[in-house]
Structures are given as structure tokens and as C-alpha cells.
């Protein structure tokens, strides 16, 4: 609570609003990691696997613009024996980010990728294609919450506030997405379709607002 000649007597309060909503799409990182003594061989084998995997994903409805390279790395493989560095070859990793619009197909996408050579799967997450409407709803809740908090502060002091704020500022957005700790190699996929359960996405907005009070 502050006293200011330009703003008369004021109370500043923070408000928070939260909206929970089911995700409407997911993303997952998957791809091939190949090792070979010759870097050209590792690159060639990786390209063959990657192209086969992409073609297979397209055949089940994944669009070209829903598949993008997340990382492409070439590393030397070395081991140490008796303080000596021994060269073992090269490791080529090509990991793609795949967007899955139909959540019912997430498990199928993973299985198809693995069946066609992918040997690394990780970072499965659930998302909203357009979070803005839900953020606006959370923002409205945050604004009302700031007003309620200011009213409660004033009431505890025997005061009342003007319900229209003289100043209000948006503090930001927080989106908490359900994440899977899914990290698998090809050997892990030997059963039926991989079961995937999505959770709720929580969108939180916060504001600060300042109100004049009366009754001082």
C-alpha cells in the first residue's frame, strides 16, 4: 500500500490465473545413430536409414513440413587404454523433430520410425497448436484475481477500493507442458503399439494492478 500525491492513496496487488487444457498435438525427437570406422560409411548408412524412416512416416500421414532436422552431428569415437587414446571410428547422429497432429497416432509414429531404422527416441512432449485463446482466458482470471486481492487487502484495513484500476501491467505467461521421460533404443520396441498417455497443459498468466482506495 502506497501514498502518492499524484495517485492519491493506492493499493498494488498481484493476480494469477490458470487454465488447464488438453493438448492437441505432440512432438518427438527420433532418428538414427550409426557408427563405422569410416566417416563416409557412417554418413551413407545414416542417410539411407533417415530417408527410409521419413518415407515411412509420410506413408502414415505425417506431412513433410511436420518433419524437420533437430540435430546432425559427427563425432570421433575414442577409448582410453593405459592412458593411450585409441581411435574406434565415427558416430553420425541425425535426429528429427516430428510433429504429430493426431494424438491417437503418437505411439504408431514411434513404432513406424523404429521399424524403419530409428534407434533413438526421446523428448516426447504435448503441445497446443494455438495457446493464445487459453492465455487470454488465464489473463482475464488473473485480472479479476488482482482485483479480489486488492479488495481483501483494503477490507482487512477497513477500507474499500475503486474497482477500476489506475494502472495494470501484464507480467507474463507460463506454459507447463506434460513431458515424457521417453528415451528408447530400438531394442525397447518389441511389443504391441507403444502406449502413450497425454496429460493436461497448464497456462498461467500474472498481472500487477494498482487501485485507489477510500476510507482513510
Protein backbone atom coordinates (compact mmCIF):
# COMPACT_ATOMS: atom_id res chain seq x y z
CA UNK A 1 0.00 0.00 0.00
CA UNK A 2 1.50 3.33 -1.04
CA UNK A 3 0.77 7.00 -0.60
CA UNK A 4 1.44 9.22 -3.62
CA UNK A 5 0.25 12.76 -4.29
CA UNK A 6 -0.32 12.05 -7.98
CA UNK A 7 -2.17 8.79 -7.44
CA UNK A 8 -3.86 9.65 -4.17
CA UNK A 9 -3.83 6.59 -1.90
CA UNK A 10 -3.20 3.31 -3.67
CA UNK A 11 -3.02 -0.43 -3.15
CA UNK A 12 -0.98 -2.59 -5.51
CA UNK A 13 -1.85 -6.27 -5.86
CA UNK A 14 -0.70 -9.23 -7.92
CA UNK A 15 -3.15 -11.56 -9.61
CA UNK A 16 -2.71 -15.01 -11.11
CA UNK A 17 -4.96 -17.00 -13.39
CA UNK A 18 -4.61 -20.58 -14.58
CA UNK A 19 -6.29 -22.57 -17.33
CA UNK A 20 -5.84 -26.31 -17.87
CA UNK A 21 -6.49 -27.74 -21.31
CA UNK A 22 -5.85 -30.97 -23.18
CA UNK A 23 -3.07 -30.78 -25.79
CA UNK A 24 -3.99 -31.08 -29.45
CA UNK A 25 -0.60 -32.11 -30.85
CA UNK A 26 2.71 -33.61 -29.79
CA UNK A 27 6.33 -33.51 -30.84
CA UNK A 28 9.00 -36.15 -30.50
CA UNK A 29 12.69 -36.38 -31.37
CA UNK A 30 13.68 -39.52 -33.22
CA UNK A 31 16.31 -40.63 -35.66
CA UNK A 32 19.32 -42.77 -36.40
CA UNK A 33 22.73 -43.07 -34.78
CA UNK A 34 25.27 -45.03 -36.85
CA UNK A 35 28.87 -45.97 -36.03
CA UNK A 36 31.54 -47.02 -38.51
CA UNK A 37 35.31 -46.92 -38.87
CA UNK A 38 34.96 -44.65 -41.90
CA UNK A 39 33.01 -41.43 -41.59
CA UNK A 40 31.75 -41.68 -45.19
CA UNK A 41 30.25 -45.10 -44.47
CA UNK A 42 28.56 -43.87 -41.31
CA UNK A 43 27.11 -40.88 -43.16
CA UNK A 44 25.89 -43.01 -46.05
CA UNK A 45 24.26 -45.61 -43.78
CA UNK A 46 22.64 -42.89 -41.72
CA UNK A 47 21.23 -41.19 -44.83
CA UNK A 48 19.72 -44.47 -46.03
CA UNK A 49 18.03 -45.08 -42.67
CA UNK A 50 16.85 -41.49 -42.35
CA UNK A 51 15.29 -41.43 -45.83
CA UNK A 52 13.59 -44.77 -45.25
CA UNK A 53 12.21 -43.57 -41.91
CA UNK A 54 10.91 -40.30 -43.40
CA UNK A 55 9.21 -42.12 -46.29
CA UNK A 56 7.54 -44.49 -43.82
CA UNK A 57 6.30 -41.61 -41.66
CA UNK A 58 4.86 -39.88 -44.72
CA UNK A 59 3.06 -43.09 -45.66
CA UNK A 60 1.06 -42.95 -42.41
CA UNK A 61 0.05 -39.32 -42.82
CA UNK A 62 2.90 -37.24 -41.43
CA UNK A 63 3.47 -34.26 -43.74
CA UNK A 64 6.84 -33.04 -44.98
CA UNK A 65 6.53 -29.76 -43.05
CA UNK A 66 5.91 -31.73 -39.84
CA UNK A 67 9.39 -33.29 -40.06
CA UNK A 68 12.49 -31.17 -39.57
CA UNK A 69 16.11 -31.81 -38.65
CA UNK A 70 16.73 -31.14 -34.97
CA UNK A 71 20.43 -32.02 -34.96
CA UNK A 72 23.09 -33.56 -37.16
CA UNK A 73 26.41 -34.44 -35.54
CA UNK A 74 29.59 -36.31 -36.42
CA UNK A 75 31.77 -37.42 -33.51
CA UNK A 76 35.02 -39.33 -33.24
CA UNK A 77 34.79 -42.44 -31.06
CA UNK A 78 37.82 -42.94 -28.84
CA UNK A 79 38.66 -45.18 -25.91
CA UNK A 80 41.49 -44.88 -23.43
CA UNK A 81 43.74 -47.79 -22.52
CA UNK A 82 46.81 -47.29 -20.34
CA UNK A 83 46.48 -43.53 -20.81
CA UNK A 84 46.57 -44.02 -24.57
CA UNK A 85 43.83 -42.74 -26.85
CA UNK A 86 42.62 -45.43 -29.23
CA UNK A 87 40.52 -44.43 -32.24
CA UNK A 88 37.42 -46.61 -32.71
CA UNK A 89 35.64 -44.88 -35.56
CA UNK A 90 32.96 -42.28 -36.11
CA UNK A 91 29.44 -41.78 -34.81
CA UNK A 92 26.94 -39.98 -37.05
CA UNK A 93 23.66 -38.88 -35.48
CA UNK A 94 20.74 -37.39 -37.40
CA UNK A 95 17.78 -36.55 -35.16
CA UNK A 96 14.48 -35.21 -36.45
CA UNK A 97 11.70 -33.35 -34.70
CA UNK A 98 8.35 -34.80 -35.74
CA UNK A 99 5.05 -33.03 -35.09
CA UNK A 100 2.09 -35.38 -34.61
CA UNK A 101 -1.28 -33.64 -35.04
CA UNK A 102 -3.38 -36.70 -34.16
CA UNK A 103 -2.53 -37.72 -30.60
CA UNK A 104 -4.04 -41.16 -31.16
CA UNK A 105 -1.18 -41.84 -33.59
CA UNK A 106 1.77 -40.90 -31.37
CA UNK A 107 2.56 -44.50 -30.46
CA UNK A 108 2.16 -45.59 -34.07
CA UNK A 109 4.53 -42.88 -35.30
CA UNK A 110 7.20 -44.02 -32.85
CA UNK A 111 6.73 -47.66 -33.78
CA UNK A 112 6.87 -47.00 -37.53
CA UNK A 113 10.03 -44.92 -37.13
CA UNK A 114 11.74 -47.67 -35.14
CA UNK A 115 10.57 -50.39 -37.54
CA UNK A 116 12.26 -48.43 -40.31
CA UNK A 117 15.62 -47.94 -38.65
CA UNK A 118 15.29 -45.25 -35.98
CA UNK A 119 17.30 -46.29 -32.95
CA UNK A 120 16.90 -43.20 -30.80
CA UNK A 121 13.63 -41.75 -29.48
CA UNK A 122 13.42 -39.02 -26.86
CA UNK A 123 11.82 -35.77 -25.69
CA UNK A 124 8.18 -36.61 -26.29
CA UNK A 125 6.10 -33.57 -25.37
CA UNK A 126 2.48 -32.49 -25.71
CA UNK A 127 1.57 -29.06 -27.02
CA UNK A 128 -1.14 -26.67 -28.15
CA UNK A 129 -1.13 -25.58 -31.77
CA UNK A 130 -2.64 -22.23 -30.70
CA UNK A 131 -2.29 -21.40 -26.98
CA UNK A 132 -3.38 -17.74 -27.33
CA UNK A 133 -7.15 -18.15 -26.61
CA UNK A 134 -6.34 -20.04 -23.41
CA UNK A 135 -3.78 -17.45 -22.38
CA UNK A 136 -6.37 -14.70 -22.86
CA UNK A 137 -8.73 -16.65 -20.59
CA UNK A 138 -5.98 -17.02 -17.97
CA UNK A 139 -5.23 -13.30 -18.29
CA UNK A 140 -8.85 -12.42 -17.53
CA UNK A 141 -8.75 -14.66 -14.46
CA UNK A 142 -5.50 -13.03 -13.34
CA UNK A 143 -7.01 -9.55 -13.66
CA UNK A 144 -10.05 -10.50 -11.58
CA UNK A 145 -7.77 -12.18 -9.05
CA UNK A 146 -5.70 -8.99 -8.70
CA UNK A 147 -8.90 -7.03 -8.03
CA UNK A 148 -10.04 -9.58 -5.43
CA UNK A 149 -6.66 -9.48 -3.70
CA UNK A 150 -6.72 -5.68 -3.58
CA UNK A 151 -10.25 -5.75 -2.16
CA UNK A 152 -9.17 -8.20 0.55
CA UNK A 153 -6.18 -6.06 1.49
CA UNK A 154 -8.39 -2.99 1.71
CA UNK A 155 -11.08 -4.83 3.67
CA UNK A 156 -8.56 -6.01 6.27
CA UNK A 157 -7.70 -2.35 6.88
CA UNK A 158 -11.28 -1.13 6.99
CA UNK A 159 -11.01 0.42 3.53
CA UNK A 160 -12.59 -0.03 0.12
CA UNK A 161 -11.17 0.36 -3.36
CA UNK A 162 -12.27 1.93 -6.60
CA UNK A 163 -12.94 -1.18 -8.71
CA UNK A 164 -11.34 0.33 -11.82
CA UNK A 165 -7.54 0.09 -11.60
CA UNK A 166 -5.50 3.21 -12.25
CA UNK A 167 -2.63 1.07 -13.54
CA UNK A 168 -2.28 -2.54 -14.64
CA UNK A 169 0.65 -4.45 -16.12
CA UNK A 170 0.89 -7.89 -17.66
CA UNK A 171 3.75 -9.84 -16.08
CA UNK A 172 4.00 -12.74 -18.48
CA UNK A 173 2.93 -16.23 -19.38
CA UNK A 174 3.96 -19.63 -18.11
CA UNK A 175 3.08 -22.77 -20.02
CA UNK A 176 3.66 -26.09 -18.26
CA UNK A 177 3.54 -28.94 -20.75
CA UNK A 178 3.34 -32.61 -19.83
CA UNK A 179 6.68 -34.14 -20.75
CA UNK A 180 7.52 -37.78 -21.14
CA UNK A 181 10.84 -39.14 -19.98
CA UNK A 182 10.65 -41.41 -23.01
CA UNK A 183 14.15 -42.33 -24.13
CA UNK A 184 14.35 -45.60 -26.00
CA UNK A 185 16.52 -47.57 -28.34
CA UNK A 186 15.25 -49.95 -30.98
CA UNK A 187 15.58 -52.93 -28.63
CA UNK A 188 12.90 -51.45 -26.38
CA UNK A 189 10.22 -51.71 -29.08
CA UNK A 190 9.42 -55.39 -29.31
CA UNK A 191 5.78 -55.48 -28.26
CA UNK A 192 2.48 -54.02 -29.47
CA UNK A 193 1.93 -50.34 -30.26
CA UNK A 194 3.75 -48.11 -27.80
CA UNK A 195 1.13 -46.81 -25.29
CA UNK A 196 1.19 -43.03 -24.88
CA UNK A 197 -0.94 -41.04 -22.41
CA UNK A 198 -1.07 -37.26 -22.65
CA UNK A 199 -1.69 -35.03 -19.63
CA UNK A 200 -3.06 -31.52 -19.22
CA UNK A 201 -1.28 -28.35 -20.28
CA UNK A 202 -1.39 -25.58 -17.66
CA UNK A 203 -1.27 -21.98 -18.83
CA UNK A 204 -0.68 -19.36 -16.15
CA UNK A 205 -0.91 -15.59 -16.53
CA UNK A 206 0.01 -12.98 -13.94
CA UNK A 207 -0.65 -9.24 -13.66
CA UNK A 208 0.04 -6.41 -11.27
CA UNK A 209 -2.64 -3.79 -10.72
CA UNK A 210 -2.93 -0.59 -8.70
CA UNK A 211 -6.19 0.71 -7.25
CA UNK A 212 -7.19 3.88 -5.45
CA UNK A 213 -8.72 3.26 -2.04
CA UNK A 214 -11.07 5.28 0.09
CA UNK A 215 -11.95 5.33 3.75
CA UNK A 216 -8.56 6.50 5.04
